[in-house]
Amino acid sequence: MANSRGRRKRRRKRQEAGLFLPPPFPPKPPQQTPATPFWKVWRKIPAWVYFCIVTFSVVITLLEGYPWLSMGEGAMLNPSNPFSEMFLVSNEGYIPLAHLDALCSLNMHLVGMHSGLSMPPDAGFMYEDFSTYLAHGNKATIPCFHIVGIKHDAVANGATLDVTISYSFYGINLKFLRRSQVFHFKSVVGDDNSQHWIFQ
């Protein structure tokens, strides 16, 4: 008994002296943060962001499909007469068009043999259904070159031409659904005395 009590006493003194310390606990391995699943990240995005993205995508798609006309230069039957140019109209949209009408409004003065003669401002000539069908990327000749047939006289510098193209969507030829687009031109004389159109 005495020996046991003495051993315990000596052991306690040694512990107090720091000779015997309890073994340290093994270090804990670093905990790795689990990766957040991809679908949980998307769930954190507010609903209004989704709404804006979807709305923007729908608007862009509709604008790409909506018909839009472009005008290009064609051959000129008489270099001294800018109105003899055979303009080409093209459908840049993806929706096909039908029943195209052209209103050609001009304002000009003649020089030469008929100097002083002029066309009333905004004199309009209508050409109905000059193209019955115009698909995406297709072109049609605008019949405005029929307006003025000048053989020996030239048109004075600064003549104007307004071309209004009206059309319906293919398969829907309703008057209140018809759309139109206007192109404005002005003539200038080149160094070779030939007329050329510029967009206004």
Protein backbone atom coordinates (compact mmCIF):
# COMPACT_ATOMS: atom_id res chain seq x y z
CA MET A 1 0.00 0.00 0.00
CA ALA A 2 2.71 2.36 0.95
CA ASN A 3 4.64 1.59 -2.18
CA SER A 4 1.55 2.23 -4.37
CA ARG A 5 0.81 5.43 -2.58
CA GLY A 6 4.40 6.50 -2.96
CA ARG A 7 4.46 5.74 -6.68
CA ARG A 8 1.31 7.76 -7.21
CA LYS A 9 2.80 10.62 -5.22
CA ARG A 10 6.04 10.57 -7.23
CA ARG A 11 4.12 10.37 -10.50
CA ARG A 12 2.00 13.38 -9.51
CA LYS A 13 5.14 15.36 -8.68
CA ARG A 14 6.69 14.47 -12.00
CA GLN A 15 3.51 15.53 -13.86
CA GLU A 16 3.54 18.82 -11.98
CA ALA A 17 7.14 19.22 -12.99
CA GLY A 18 6.22 18.57 -16.64
CA LEU A 19 8.12 15.35 -16.97
CA PHE A 20 5.09 13.30 -17.93
CA LEU A 21 2.49 14.96 -20.14
CA PRO A 22 -0.48 13.23 -21.67
CA PRO A 23 0.07 12.44 -25.34
CA PRO A 24 -1.30 15.21 -27.58
CA PHE A 25 -4.32 14.52 -29.72
CA PRO A 26 -3.50 13.87 -33.40
CA PRO A 27 -4.17 16.94 -35.61
CA LYS A 28 -7.48 16.89 -37.41
CA PRO A 29 -7.23 16.69 -41.18
CA PRO A 30 -8.31 19.91 -42.97
CA GLN A 31 -11.93 19.78 -43.97
CA GLN A 32 -12.61 20.42 -47.66
CA THR A 33 -15.59 22.58 -48.49
CA PRO A 34 -17.85 20.58 -50.78
CA ALA A 35 -18.27 22.16 -54.23
CA THR A 36 -21.63 23.79 -54.78
CA PRO A 37 -23.60 21.98 -57.48
CA PHE A 38 -24.08 23.94 -60.70
CA TRP A 39 -27.86 23.84 -60.47
CA LYS A 40 -27.76 25.38 -56.99
CA VAL A 41 -25.77 28.36 -58.36
CA TRP A 42 -28.46 28.99 -60.99
CA ARG A 43 -31.14 28.83 -58.30
CA LYS A 44 -29.48 31.76 -56.54
CA ILE A 45 -30.01 34.04 -59.58
CA PRO A 46 -33.08 36.26 -59.09
CA ALA A 47 -36.16 35.55 -61.19
CA TRP A 48 -36.15 39.02 -62.74
CA VAL A 49 -32.74 38.26 -64.33
CA TYR A 50 -34.23 35.20 -66.06
CA PHE A 51 -37.18 37.30 -67.20
CA CYS A 52 -34.91 39.96 -68.72
CA ILE A 53 -32.79 37.35 -70.54
CA VAL A 54 -35.83 35.58 -72.01
CA THR A 55 -37.48 38.86 -73.03
CA PHE A 56 -34.31 40.12 -74.68
CA SER A 57 -33.89 36.83 -76.59
CA VAL A 58 -37.49 36.92 -77.86
CA VAL A 59 -37.16 40.54 -79.00
CA ILE A 60 -33.92 39.81 -80.90
CA THR A 61 -35.51 36.78 -82.59
CA LEU A 62 -38.55 38.79 -83.68
CA LEU A 63 -36.40 41.63 -85.02
CA GLU A 64 -34.31 39.20 -87.07
CA GLY A 65 -37.40 37.66 -88.59
CA TYR A 66 -39.30 40.91 -89.17
CA PRO A 67 -39.10 42.00 -92.82
CA TRP A 68 -36.80 44.89 -93.62
CA LEU A 69 -36.29 46.24 -97.13
CA SER A 70 -33.01 47.48 -98.53
CA MET A 71 -32.45 49.38 -101.76
CA GLY A 72 -29.61 48.86 -104.21
CA GLU A 73 -28.47 50.46 -107.43
CA GLY A 74 -29.15 48.81 -110.75
CA ALA A 75 -28.42 49.50 -114.40
CA MET A 76 -29.16 52.97 -115.82
CA LEU A 77 -30.92 53.05 -119.17
CA ASN A 78 -29.98 56.68 -119.93
CA PRO A 79 -26.92 58.20 -118.15
CA SER A 80 -28.32 61.73 -118.53
CA ASN A 81 -31.59 60.73 -116.85
CA PRO A 82 -31.23 59.57 -113.24
CA PHE A 83 -34.84 58.44 -113.24
CA SER A 84 -33.93 55.71 -115.73
CA GLU A 85 -32.02 53.79 -113.06
CA MET A 86 -33.53 50.39 -112.28
CA PHE A 87 -33.37 50.24 -108.50
CA LEU A 88 -33.44 46.86 -106.81
CA VAL A 89 -35.34 46.20 -103.59
CA SER A 90 -34.35 43.28 -101.37
CA ASN A 91 -36.07 41.58 -98.44
CA GLU A 92 -33.57 41.40 -95.57
CA GLY A 93 -36.00 39.75 -93.15
CA TYR A 94 -36.88 36.07 -92.91
CA ILE A 95 -40.64 36.54 -93.33
CA PRO A 96 -41.63 36.38 -97.03
CA LEU A 97 -43.51 39.36 -98.46
CA ALA A 98 -46.24 39.57 -101.09
CA HIS A 99 -48.12 42.10 -103.23
CA LEU A 100 -45.51 44.84 -103.27
CA ASP A 101 -46.60 48.29 -104.49
CA ALA A 102 -44.28 51.17 -105.40
CA LEU A 103 -45.12 54.88 -105.21
CA CYS A 104 -42.49 56.92 -107.09
CA SER A 105 -42.60 60.62 -106.18
CA LEU A 106 -40.23 62.93 -108.05
CA ASN A 107 -39.29 66.57 -108.33
CA MET A 108 -37.06 67.71 -111.21
CA HIS A 109 -36.14 70.48 -113.66
CA LEU A 110 -35.09 69.92 -117.26
CA VAL A 111 -32.13 71.55 -118.97
CA GLY A 112 -31.28 71.70 -122.65
CA MET A 113 -33.95 71.74 -125.33
CA HIS A 114 -36.78 71.80 -122.79
CA SER A 115 -35.06 74.07 -120.30
CA GLY A 116 -37.45 75.56 -117.80
CA LEU A 117 -39.85 72.64 -117.81
CA SER A 118 -40.33 71.03 -114.45
CA MET A 119 -42.25 68.27 -112.79
CA PRO A 120 -44.62 69.33 -109.99
CA PRO A 121 -43.19 68.64 -106.55
CA ASP A 122 -44.06 65.23 -105.20
CA ALA A 123 -45.63 64.10 -108.46
CA GLY A 124 -46.45 60.50 -107.69
CA PHE A 125 -46.74 57.47 -109.93
CA MET A 126 -48.17 54.28 -108.43
CA TYR A 127 -47.15 50.82 -109.62
CA GLU A 128 -49.30 48.21 -107.95
CA ASP A 129 -48.26 44.63 -107.39
CA PHE A 130 -44.95 45.03 -109.21
CA SER A 131 -43.78 41.96 -107.28
CA THR A 132 -46.18 39.29 -106.08
CA TYR A 133 -43.73 37.41 -103.85
CA LEU A 134 -40.40 38.38 -102.26
CA ALA A 135 -38.66 35.80 -100.06
CA HIS A 136 -35.69 36.37 -97.76
CA GLY A 137 -32.69 37.65 -99.75
CA ASN A 138 -34.62 37.88 -103.03
CA LYS A 139 -34.59 41.06 -105.14
CA ALA A 140 -37.10 42.78 -107.39
CA THR A 141 -36.72 45.71 -109.81
CA ILE A 142 -38.63 48.83 -108.85
CA PRO A 143 -40.49 50.18 -111.93
CA CYS A 144 -39.74 53.87 -111.26
CA PHE A 145 -37.53 53.94 -114.37
CA HIS A 146 -40.77 54.14 -116.43
CA ILE A 147 -41.59 57.62 -115.07
CA VAL A 148 -39.56 59.92 -117.31
CA GLY A 149 -38.23 58.94 -120.74
CA ILE A 150 -35.75 61.61 -121.78
CA LYS A 151 -33.90 61.18 -125.06
CA HIS A 152 -32.00 64.42 -125.69
CA ASP A 153 -32.37 66.50 -122.54
CA ALA A 154 -30.79 66.08 -119.16
CA VAL A 155 -32.24 66.47 -115.72
CA ALA A 156 -30.86 69.38 -113.70
CA ASN A 157 -28.68 68.72 -110.71
CA GLY A 158 -30.59 68.27 -107.45
CA ALA A 159 -33.59 66.27 -108.65
CA THR A 160 -35.23 64.24 -105.91
CA LEU A 161 -36.95 60.88 -105.88
CA ASP A 162 -38.92 59.33 -103.03
CA VAL A 163 -39.79 55.65 -103.34
CA THR A 164 -42.45 54.23 -101.02
CA ILE A 165 -42.66 50.45 -101.00
CA SER A 166 -45.75 48.95 -99.37
CA TYR A 167 -46.23 45.24 -98.86
CA SER A 168 -48.23 42.57 -97.07
CA PHE A 169 -47.05 39.48 -95.26
CA TYR A 170 -47.22 36.36 -97.36
CA GLY A 171 -50.65 34.76 -97.01
CA ILE A 172 -52.11 37.73 -95.06
CA ASN A 173 -53.18 40.38 -97.56
CA LEU A 174 -55.18 42.59 -95.20
CA LYS A 175 -55.13 46.34 -95.65
CA PHE A 176 -54.65 47.23 -91.98
CA LEU A 177 -51.70 44.83 -91.74
CA ARG A 178 -49.82 46.23 -94.74
CA ARG A 179 -46.54 47.94 -93.98
CA SER A 180 -44.45 50.46 -95.93
CA GLN A 181 -40.93 51.80 -96.10
CA VAL A 182 -39.74 55.04 -97.73
CA PHE A 183 -36.40 55.70 -99.47
CA HIS A 184 -35.21 59.24 -100.29
CA PHE A 185 -32.77 60.04 -103.12
CA LYS A 186 -31.15 63.14 -104.58
CA SER A 187 -29.32 63.39 -107.90
CA VAL A 188 -25.83 64.82 -108.37
CA VAL A 189 -23.90 65.39 -111.60
CA GLY A 190 -20.54 63.67 -112.01
CA ASP A 191 -17.47 64.88 -113.88
CA ASP A 192 -18.72 63.03 -116.96
CA ASN A 193 -22.03 64.97 -116.80
CA SER A 194 -23.88 61.78 -115.90
CA GLN A 195 -26.40 61.72 -113.07
CA HIS A 196 -26.00 59.71 -109.90
CA TRP A 197 -28.26 59.13 -106.92
CA ILE A 198 -27.29 59.64 -103.30
CA PHE A 199 -29.31 58.62 -100.27
CA GLN A 200 -30.82 61.44 -98.24
